Amino acid sequence: MLKVLGVDDTPSVKSMTEVDRKLQALYGIQTIKYKGALGHTYYTNSFADIISQEMANPRVRPHLSFYPEEVHKNLSEARQFAHWLHEIPDDEMGPMLRVGSMDYYIFEPAMLRSGKICMPHRWFTRGKHHYARCWAMEEVIREGTRNWKLTNPVIGNPWHERANGAPCLSFLIWLYCDDTSGNTSKKWNKHNSFLFTAAGLPREESSKEYNVHFLSTSNIAPPLEMLDGIADQITFVVIT
């Protein structure tokens, strides 16, 4: 078409295919094949690829929250409610806080400016400032004390070692499954699809179309069978 219109130096189909292949390798999202427990084959998009793109997206990253926010009235966002601030286990709700050039991890002793030693176990925000819920620490020499089991005392928080100097954050999501029963044509009713949005986004952002991410769909595999692959993806992201 470009040649017909008189455009010079038009790329060939082969060269454009090669460019597309390289771009997909650099910036694309992998699709992973699974064989379900019931014998059905289905595919899921890579959680890790989607999250890495979200973290690099200048339209999304500034709006993401990773820590609970302590607010006593006019609550409006998920991060402000008790589930984030109190109910999610400590080791699943943001293991690290960076202050200047220092990285502080939960379940590792920290020295306050006063010289006292404490152990943070939950980070949260209040206004524009970050705070920590901490356990007070003091030297105790007595028999019958219980051994520390939350981390290896030699290496500290395992995420500290895994991060190797990189920021370590929890990326919470809203995961949901939907069918196509609202369609006029009944031939699509058997398709079930899994999608997710970042739970750290404010409400006005999470409802935008580009913040709703597709993971998987199938008209053969039931939702619980597909959920195995989704769970594998989450486990892979957490471990790596």
C-alpha atoms as a PDB file:
ATOM      1  CA  MET A   1       0.000   0.000   0.000  1.00  0.00           C
ATOM      2  CA  LEU A   2       2.828   2.415   0.855  1.00  0.00           C
ATOM      3  CA  LYS A   3       4.556   1.720  -2.449  1.00  0.00           C
ATOM      4  CA  VAL A   4       1.306   2.312  -4.327  1.00  0.00           C
ATOM      5  CA  LEU A   5       1.046   5.688  -2.596  1.00  0.00           C
ATOM      6  CA  GLY A   6       4.573   6.546  -3.697  1.00  0.00           C
ATOM      7  CA  VAL A   7       6.304   6.223  -0.323  1.00  0.00           C
ATOM      8  CA  ASP A   8      10.009   5.419  -0.732  1.00  0.00           C
ATOM      9  CA  ASP A   9      12.169   3.113   1.411  1.00  0.00           C
ATOM     10  CA  THR A  10       9.264   1.072   2.723  1.00  0.00           C
ATOM     11  CA  PRO A  11      10.258  -1.843   4.982  1.00  0.00           C
ATOM     12  CA  SER A  12       9.588  -5.369   3.805  1.00  0.00           C
ATOM     13  CA  VAL A  13       7.200  -7.718   5.562  1.00  0.00           C
ATOM     14  CA  LYS A  14      10.181  -9.820   6.630  1.00  0.00           C
ATOM     15  CA  SER A  15      11.986  -6.878   8.233  1.00  0.00           C
ATOM     16  CA  MET A  16       8.839  -5.756  10.048  1.00  0.00           C
ATOM     17  CA  THR A  17       8.300  -9.303  11.304  1.00  0.00           C
ATOM     18  CA  GLU A  18      11.854  -9.341  12.631  1.00  0.00           C
ATOM     19  CA  VAL A  19      11.384  -5.974  14.355  1.00  0.00           C
ATOM     20  CA  ASP A  20       8.165  -7.237  15.926  1.00  0.00           C
ATOM     21  CA  ARG A  21       9.919 -10.380  17.146  1.00  0.00           C
ATOM     22  CA  LYS A  22      12.673  -8.355  18.810  1.00  0.00           C
ATOM     23  CA  LEU A  23      10.220  -5.909  20.370  1.00  0.00           C
ATOM     24  CA  GLN A  24       8.152  -8.768  21.759  1.00  0.00           C
ATOM     25  CA  ALA A  25      11.275 -10.336  23.237  1.00  0.00           C
ATOM     26  CA  LEU A  26      12.196  -7.058  24.933  1.00  0.00           C
ATOM     27  CA  TYR A  27       8.820  -5.637  25.925  1.00  0.00           C
ATOM     28  CA  GLY A  28       6.194  -8.283  25.244  1.00  0.00           C
ATOM     29  CA  ILE A  29       4.286 -10.440  27.707  1.00  0.00           C
ATOM     30  CA  GLN A  30       4.917 -14.165  27.648  1.00  0.00           C
ATOM     31  CA  THR A  31       2.022 -16.592  27.375  1.00  0.00           C
ATOM     32  CA  ILE A  32       2.538 -19.787  29.370  1.00  0.00           C
ATOM     33  CA  LYS A  33       0.948 -23.118  28.527  1.00  0.00           C
ATOM     34  CA  TYR A  34      -0.537 -25.281  31.298  1.00  0.00           C
ATOM     35  CA  LYS A  35      -1.961 -28.768  31.450  1.00  0.00           C
ATOM     36  CA  GLY A  36      -4.653 -28.666  34.123  1.00  0.00           C
ATOM     37  CA  ALA A  37      -5.358 -31.254  36.807  1.00  0.00           C
ATOM     38  CA  LEU A  38      -8.476 -32.312  34.883  1.00  0.00           C
ATOM     39  CA  GLY A  39      -6.510 -32.749  31.663  1.00  0.00           C
ATOM     40  CA  HIS A  40      -7.491 -29.498  29.934  1.00  0.00           C
ATOM     41  CA  THR A  41      -4.931 -27.308  28.192  1.00  0.00           C
ATOM     42  CA  TYR A  42      -5.105 -23.566  28.823  1.00  0.00           C
ATOM     43  CA  TYR A  43      -2.804 -20.549  28.748  1.00  0.00           C
ATOM     44  CA  THR A  44      -2.032 -17.681  31.124  1.00  0.00           C
ATOM     45  CA  ASN A  45      -0.180 -14.447  30.571  1.00  0.00           C
ATOM     46  CA  SER A  46       2.939 -13.935  32.651  1.00  0.00           C
ATOM     47  CA  PHE A  47       2.256 -12.228  35.979  1.00  0.00           C
ATOM     48  CA  ALA A  48       5.910 -11.205  36.265  1.00  0.00           C
ATOM     49  CA  ASP A  49       5.913  -9.531  32.845  1.00  0.00           C
ATOM     50  CA  ILE A  50       2.713  -7.591  33.522  1.00  0.00           C
ATOM     51  CA  ILE A  51       3.857  -6.388  36.943  1.00  0.00           C
ATOM     52  CA  SER A  52       7.284  -5.360  35.648  1.00  0.00           C
ATOM     53  CA  GLN A  53       5.611  -3.283  32.933  1.00  0.00           C
ATOM     54  CA  GLU A  54       3.268  -1.699  35.477  1.00  0.00           C
ATOM     55  CA  MET A  55       6.193  -0.718  37.677  1.00  0.00           C
ATOM     56  CA  ALA A  56       7.913   0.878  34.675  1.00  0.00           C
ATOM     57  CA  ASN A  57       4.791   2.606  33.338  1.00  0.00           C
ATOM     58  CA  PRO A  58       4.983   6.382  34.007  1.00  0.00           C
ATOM     59  CA  ARG A  59       1.170   6.592  33.889  1.00  0.00           C
ATOM     60  CA  VAL A  60       0.737   3.929  36.559  1.00  0.00           C
ATOM     61  CA  ARG A  61       3.751   3.850  38.883  1.00  0.00           C
ATOM     62  CA  PRO A  62       3.187   7.304  40.492  1.00  0.00           C
ATOM     63  CA  HIS A  63      -0.313   6.235  41.570  1.00  0.00           C
ATOM     64  CA  LEU A  64       0.669   2.920  43.187  1.00  0.00           C
ATOM     65  CA  SER A  65       0.683   2.585  46.971  1.00  0.00           C
ATOM     66  CA  PHE A  66       2.589  -0.226  48.662  1.00  0.00           C
ATOM     67  CA  TYR A  67       2.024   0.519  52.341  1.00  0.00           C
ATOM     68  CA  PRO A  68      -1.095   0.802  54.516  1.00  0.00           C
ATOM     69  CA  GLU A  69      -2.224   4.308  55.359  1.00  0.00           C
ATOM     70  CA  GLU A  70      -3.456   5.167  58.837  1.00  0.00           C
ATOM     71  CA  VAL A  71      -6.556   7.344  58.500  1.00  0.00           C
ATOM     72  CA  HIS A  72      -9.132   7.748  61.263  1.00  0.00           C
ATOM     73  CA  LYS A  73     -11.961   9.311  59.258  1.00  0.00           C
ATOM     74  CA  ASN A  74     -13.084   9.789  55.653  1.00  0.00           C
ATOM     75  CA  LEU A  75     -11.699   6.425  54.546  1.00  0.00           C
ATOM     76  CA  SER A  76     -11.953   5.979  50.784  1.00  0.00           C
ATOM     77  CA  GLU A  77      -9.121   3.736  49.556  1.00  0.00           C
ATOM     78  CA  ALA A  78      -8.331   0.060  50.173  1.00  0.00           C
ATOM     79  CA  ARG A  79      -4.959   0.896  51.730  1.00  0.00           C
ATOM     80  CA  GLN A  80      -6.718   2.882  54.481  1.00  0.00           C
ATOM     81  CA  PHE A  81      -8.799   0.028  55.869  1.00  0.00           C
ATOM     82  CA  ALA A  82      -7.997  -2.410  58.660  1.00  0.00           C
ATOM     83  CA  HIS A  83      -7.238  -5.296  56.306  1.00  0.00           C
ATOM     84  CA  TRP A  84      -4.076  -3.602  55.046  1.00  0.00           C
ATOM     85  CA  LEU A  85      -3.100  -2.037  58.350  1.00  0.00           C
ATOM     86  CA  HIS A  86      -3.779  -4.937  60.729  1.00  0.00           C
ATOM     87  CA  GLU A  87      -5.044  -8.148  59.134  1.00  0.00           C
ATOM     88  CA  ILE A  88      -2.663  -9.029  56.292  1.00  0.00           C
ATOM     89  CA  PRO A  89       0.282 -10.980  57.784  1.00  0.00           C
ATOM     90  CA  ASP A  90       3.333  -8.838  58.470  1.00  0.00           C
ATOM     91  CA  ASP A  91       5.561 -10.803  56.094  1.00  0.00           C
ATOM     92  CA  GLU A  92       3.116 -10.231  53.205  1.00  0.00           C
ATOM     93  CA  MET A  93       2.650  -6.485  53.643  1.00  0.00           C
ATOM     94  CA  GLY A  94       5.799  -4.732  52.476  1.00  0.00           C
ATOM     95  CA  PRO A  95       9.028  -6.188  53.897  1.00  0.00           C
ATOM     96  CA  MET A  96      11.223  -3.147  53.317  1.00  0.00           C
ATOM     97  CA  LEU A  97      11.334   0.624  53.722  1.00  0.00           C
ATOM     98  CA  ARG A  98      14.058   2.752  52.164  1.00  0.00           C
ATOM     99  CA  VAL A  99      15.120   5.815  54.151  1.00  0.00           C
ATOM    100  CA  GLY A 100      17.759   7.805  52.321  1.00  0.00           C
ATOM    101  CA  SER A 101      20.410   5.286  51.335  1.00  0.00           C
ATOM    102  CA  MET A 102      19.444   2.767  54.037  1.00  0.00           C
ATOM    103  CA  ASP A 103      17.092  -0.173  53.611  1.00  0.00           C
ATOM    104  CA  TYR A 104      15.231  -1.319  56.718  1.00  0.00           C
ATOM    105  CA  TYR A 105      13.487  -4.691  56.838  1.00  0.00           C
ATOM    106  CA  ILE A 106      10.842  -6.081  59.135  1.00  0.00           C
ATOM    107  CA  PHE A 107      11.982  -8.731  61.621  1.00  0.00           C
ATOM    108  CA  GLU A 108      15.463  -7.178  61.747  1.00  0.00           C
ATOM    109  CA  PRO A 109      16.669  -5.108  64.739  1.00  0.00           C
ATOM    110  CA  ALA A 110      16.942  -1.369  64.120  1.00  0.00           C
ATOM    111  CA  MET A 111      18.476   1.364  66.244  1.00  0.00           C
ATOM    112  CA  LEU A 112      16.458   4.503  66.896  1.00  0.00           C
ATOM    113  CA  ARG A 113      18.022   7.951  67.100  1.00  0.00           C
ATOM    114  CA  SER A 114      17.665   7.693  70.860  1.00  0.00           C
ATOM    115  CA  GLY A 115      19.931   4.652  70.848  1.00  0.00           C
ATOM    116  CA  LYS A 116      17.152   2.228  71.762  1.00  0.00           C
ATOM    117  CA  ILE A 117      16.806  -1.005  69.808  1.00  0.00           C
ATOM    118  CA  CYS A 118      13.500  -2.111  68.327  1.00  0.00           C
ATOM    119  CA  MET A 119      12.275  -4.541  65.701  1.00  0.00           C
ATOM    120  CA  PRO A 120       9.847  -3.197  63.063  1.00  0.00           C
ATOM    121  CA  HIS A 121       7.160  -5.620  61.948  1.00  0.00           C
ATOM    122  CA  ARG A 122       4.803  -3.397  59.909  1.00  0.00           C
ATOM    123  CA  TRP A 123       5.380  -0.289  57.809  1.00  0.00           C
ATOM    124  CA  PHE A 124       2.597   2.229  57.255  1.00  0.00           C
ATOM    125  CA  THR A 125       2.058   5.839  56.277  1.00  0.00           C
ATOM    126  CA  ARG A 126       0.407   8.710  58.074  1.00  0.00           C
ATOM    127  CA  GLY A 127       0.011  11.705  55.811  1.00  0.00           C
ATOM    128  CA  LYS A 128       3.215  12.029  53.773  1.00  0.00           C
ATOM    129  CA  HIS A 129       5.437  10.287  56.329  1.00  0.00           C
ATOM    130  CA  HIS A 130       6.309   6.629  56.870  1.00  0.00           C
ATOM    131  CA  TYR A 131       6.118   4.944  60.254  1.00  0.00           C
ATOM    132  CA  ALA A 132       6.686   1.480  61.696  1.00  0.00           C
ATOM    133  CA  ARG A 133       4.924  -0.673  64.229  1.00  0.00           C
ATOM    134  CA  CYS A 134       7.733  -2.114  66.319  1.00  0.00           C
ATOM    135  CA  TRP A 135       8.474  -4.526  69.108  1.00  0.00           C
ATOM    136  CA  ALA A 136      10.657  -3.113  71.859  1.00  0.00           C
ATOM    137  CA  MET A 137      13.882  -5.060  72.407  1.00  0.00           C
ATOM    138  CA  GLU A 138      16.035  -5.452  75.473  1.00  0.00           C
ATOM    139  CA  GLU A 139      18.724  -7.835  76.585  1.00  0.00           C
ATOM    140  CA  VAL A 140      17.338 -10.757  78.561  1.00  0.00           C
ATOM    141  CA  ILE A 141      19.376 -13.530  80.119  1.00  0.00           C
ATOM    142  CA  ARG A 142      17.182 -16.258  81.525  1.00  0.00           C
ATOM    143  CA  GLU A 143      16.219 -19.844  80.977  1.00  0.00           C
ATOM    144  CA  GLY A 144      13.044 -20.974  79.292  1.00  0.00           C
ATOM    145  CA  THR A 145      12.946 -18.364  76.525  1.00  0.00           C
ATOM    146  CA  ARG A 146      11.586 -19.428  73.149  1.00  0.00           C
ATOM    147  CA  ASN A 147      13.819 -19.463  70.090  1.00  0.00           C
ATOM    148  CA  TRP A 148      13.284 -16.847  67.364  1.00  0.00           C
ATOM    149  CA  LYS A 149      11.612 -18.520  64.377  1.00  0.00           C
ATOM    150  CA  LEU A 150      10.398 -15.730  62.081  1.00  0.00           C
ATOM    151  CA  THR A 151      13.765 -15.376  60.317  1.00  0.00           C
ATOM    152  CA  ASN A 152      17.226 -16.875  60.342  1.00  0.00           C
ATOM    153  CA  PRO A 153      19.127 -14.740  62.888  1.00  0.00           C
ATOM    154  CA  VAL A 154      22.311 -15.153  60.864  1.00  0.00           C
ATOM    155  CA  ILE A 155      21.013 -13.695  57.578  1.00  0.00           C
ATOM    156  CA  GLY A 156      18.008 -11.715  58.855  1.00  0.00           C
ATOM    157  CA  ASN A 157      14.960 -11.258  56.659  1.00  0.00           C
ATOM    158  CA  PRO A 158      15.369 -13.566  53.620  1.00  0.00           C
ATOM    159  CA  TRP A 159      14.018 -10.817  51.347  1.00  0.00           C
ATOM    160  CA  HIS A 160      17.002  -8.673  52.355  1.00  0.00           C
ATOM    161  CA  GLU A 161      19.345 -11.217  50.823  1.00  0.00           C
ATOM    162  CA  ARG A 162      17.162 -11.822  47.755  1.00  0.00           C
ATOM    163  CA  ALA A 163      16.776  -8.106  47.011  1.00  0.00           C
ATOM    164  CA  ASN A 164      20.553  -7.604  46.885  1.00  0.00           C
ATOM    165  CA  GLY A 165      20.174  -3.844  47.229  1.00  0.00           C
ATOM    166  CA  ALA A 166      17.076  -3.454  45.040  1.00  0.00           C
ATOM    167  CA  PRO A 167      13.795  -2.089  46.469  1.00  0.00           C
ATOM    168  CA  CYS A 168      11.586  -4.895  47.788  1.00  0.00           C
ATOM    169  CA  LEU A 169       7.841  -4.173  47.743  1.00  0.00           C
ATOM    170  CA  SER A 170       4.566  -6.065  47.967  1.00  0.00           C
ATOM    171  CA  PHE A 171       2.362  -5.706  44.876  1.00  0.00           C
ATOM    172  CA  LEU A 172      -1.185  -6.438  46.034  1.00  0.00           C
ATOM    173  CA  ILE A 173      -3.836  -7.276  43.444  1.00  0.00           C
ATOM    174  CA  TRP A 174      -7.589  -7.657  43.029  1.00  0.00           C
ATOM    175  CA  LEU A 175      -7.995 -10.969  41.192  1.00  0.00           C
ATOM    176  CA  TYR A 176     -11.373 -11.932  39.791  1.00  0.00           C
ATOM    177  CA  CYS A 177     -12.996 -14.345  37.371  1.00  0.00           C
ATOM    178  CA  ASP A 178     -15.870 -13.447  35.067  1.00  0.00           C
ATOM    179  CA  ASP A 179     -17.873 -15.193  32.370  1.00  0.00           C
ATOM    180  CA  THR A 180     -19.547 -13.798  29.265  1.00  0.00           C
ATOM    181  CA  SER A 181     -23.146 -14.431  30.281  1.00  0.00           C
ATOM    182  CA  GLY A 182     -24.036 -10.829  29.495  1.00  0.00           C
ATOM    183  CA  ASN A 183     -23.399 -11.301  25.790  1.00  0.00           C
ATOM    184  CA  THR A 184     -26.308 -11.396  23.361  1.00  0.00           C
ATOM    185  CA  SER A 185     -24.805 -14.374  21.556  1.00  0.00           C
ATOM    186  CA  LYS A 186     -25.015 -17.491  23.729  1.00  0.00           C
ATOM    187  CA  LYS A 187     -22.133 -19.242  21.971  1.00  0.00           C
ATOM    188  CA  TRP A 188     -19.634 -17.373  24.198  1.00  0.00           C
ATOM    189  CA  ASN A 189     -21.258 -18.219  27.533  1.00  0.00           C
ATOM    190  CA  LYS A 190     -18.832 -21.006  28.386  1.00  0.00           C
ATOM    191  CA  HIS A 191     -15.766 -18.752  28.385  1.00  0.00           C
ATOM    192  CA  ASN A 192     -14.410 -17.921  31.849  1.00  0.00           C
ATOM    193  CA  SER A 193     -11.738 -15.243  32.107  1.00  0.00           C
ATOM    194  CA  PHE A 194      -9.345 -14.239  34.885  1.00  0.00           C
ATOM    195  CA  LEU A 195      -8.327 -10.591  35.187  1.00  0.00           C
ATOM    196  CA  PHE A 196      -6.690  -8.442  37.837  1.00  0.00           C
ATOM    197  CA  THR A 197      -6.069  -4.852  38.829  1.00  0.00           C
ATOM    198  CA  ALA A 198      -3.414  -3.450  41.152  1.00  0.00           C
ATOM    199  CA  ALA A 199      -4.946  -3.049  44.618  1.00  0.00           C
ATOM    200  CA  GLY A 200      -2.550  -0.197  45.367  1.00  0.00           C
ATOM    201  CA  LEU A 201      -4.184   2.076  42.797  1.00  0.00           C
ATOM    202  CA  PRO A 202      -6.719   4.681  43.907  1.00  0.00           C
ATOM    203  CA  ARG A 203     -10.295   3.979  42.851  1.00  0.00           C
ATOM    204  CA  GLU A 204     -10.371   6.522  40.037  1.00  0.00           C
ATOM    205  CA  GLU A 205      -7.292   4.880  38.487  1.00  0.00           C
ATOM    206  CA  SER A 206      -8.169   1.206  39.001  1.00  0.00           C
ATOM    207  CA  SER A 207     -11.350   1.581  36.945  1.00  0.00           C
ATOM    208  CA  LYS A 208      -9.465   2.759  33.854  1.00  0.00           C
ATOM    209  CA  GLU A 209      -9.350   0.202  31.071  1.00  0.00           C
ATOM    210  CA  TYR A 210      -5.548   0.062  30.768  1.00  0.00           C
ATOM    211  CA  ASN A 211      -5.289  -0.833  34.472  1.00  0.00           C
ATOM    212  CA  VAL A 212      -7.395  -3.986  34.048  1.00  0.00           C
ATOM    213  CA  HIS A 213      -5.091  -6.832  33.033  1.00  0.00           C
ATOM    214  CA  PHE A 214      -6.082 -10.016  31.267  1.00  0.00           C
ATOM    215  CA  LEU A 215      -4.540 -13.253  32.530  1.00  0.00           C
ATOM    216  CA  SER A 216      -6.374 -16.237  31.093  1.00  0.00           C
ATOM    217  CA  THR A 217      -9.555 -17.446  29.404  1.00  0.00           C
ATOM    218  CA  SER A 218     -10.972 -20.826  28.443  1.00  0.00           C
ATOM    219  CA  ASN A 219     -14.230 -22.336  27.267  1.00  0.00           C
ATOM    220  CA  ILE A 220     -13.038 -25.808  28.279  1.00  0.00           C
ATOM    221  CA  ALA A 221     -11.089 -25.622  31.550  1.00  0.00           C
ATOM    222  CA  PRO A 222     -13.265 -24.714  34.571  1.00  0.00           C
ATOM    223  CA  PRO A 223     -12.211 -21.717  36.717  1.00  0.00           C
ATOM    224  CA  LEU A 224     -10.718 -23.763  39.575  1.00  0.00           C
ATOM    225  CA  GLU A 225      -8.544 -25.721  37.157  1.00  0.00           C
ATOM    226  CA  MET A 226      -7.338 -22.483  35.582  1.00  0.00           C
ATOM    227  CA  LEU A 227      -6.666 -21.081  39.042  1.00  0.00           C
ATOM    228  CA  ASP A 228      -3.883 -23.652  39.473  1.00  0.00           C
ATOM    229  CA  GLY A 229      -1.926 -21.936  36.720  1.00  0.00           C
ATOM    230  CA  ILE A 230      -2.664 -18.504  38.178  1.00  0.00           C
ATOM    231  CA  ALA A 231      -1.427 -19.698  41.589  1.00  0.00           C
ATOM    232  CA  ASP A 232       1.734 -21.077  39.969  1.00  0.00           C
ATOM    233  CA  GLN A 233       2.328 -17.661  38.443  1.00  0.00           C
ATOM    234  CA  ILE A 234       1.923 -15.900  41.799  1.00  0.00           C
ATOM    235  CA  THR A 235       4.250 -18.400  43.485  1.00  0.00           C
ATOM    236  CA  PHE A 236       6.827 -17.885  40.731  1.00  0.00           C
ATOM    237  CA  VAL A 237       6.721 -14.104  41.159  1.00  0.00           C
ATOM    238  CA  VAL A 238       7.046 -14.390  44.954  1.00  0.00           C
ATOM    239  CA  ILE A 239       9.951 -16.843  44.877  1.00  0.00           C
ATOM    240  CA  THR A 240      11.928 -15.035  42.206  1.00  0.00           C
END
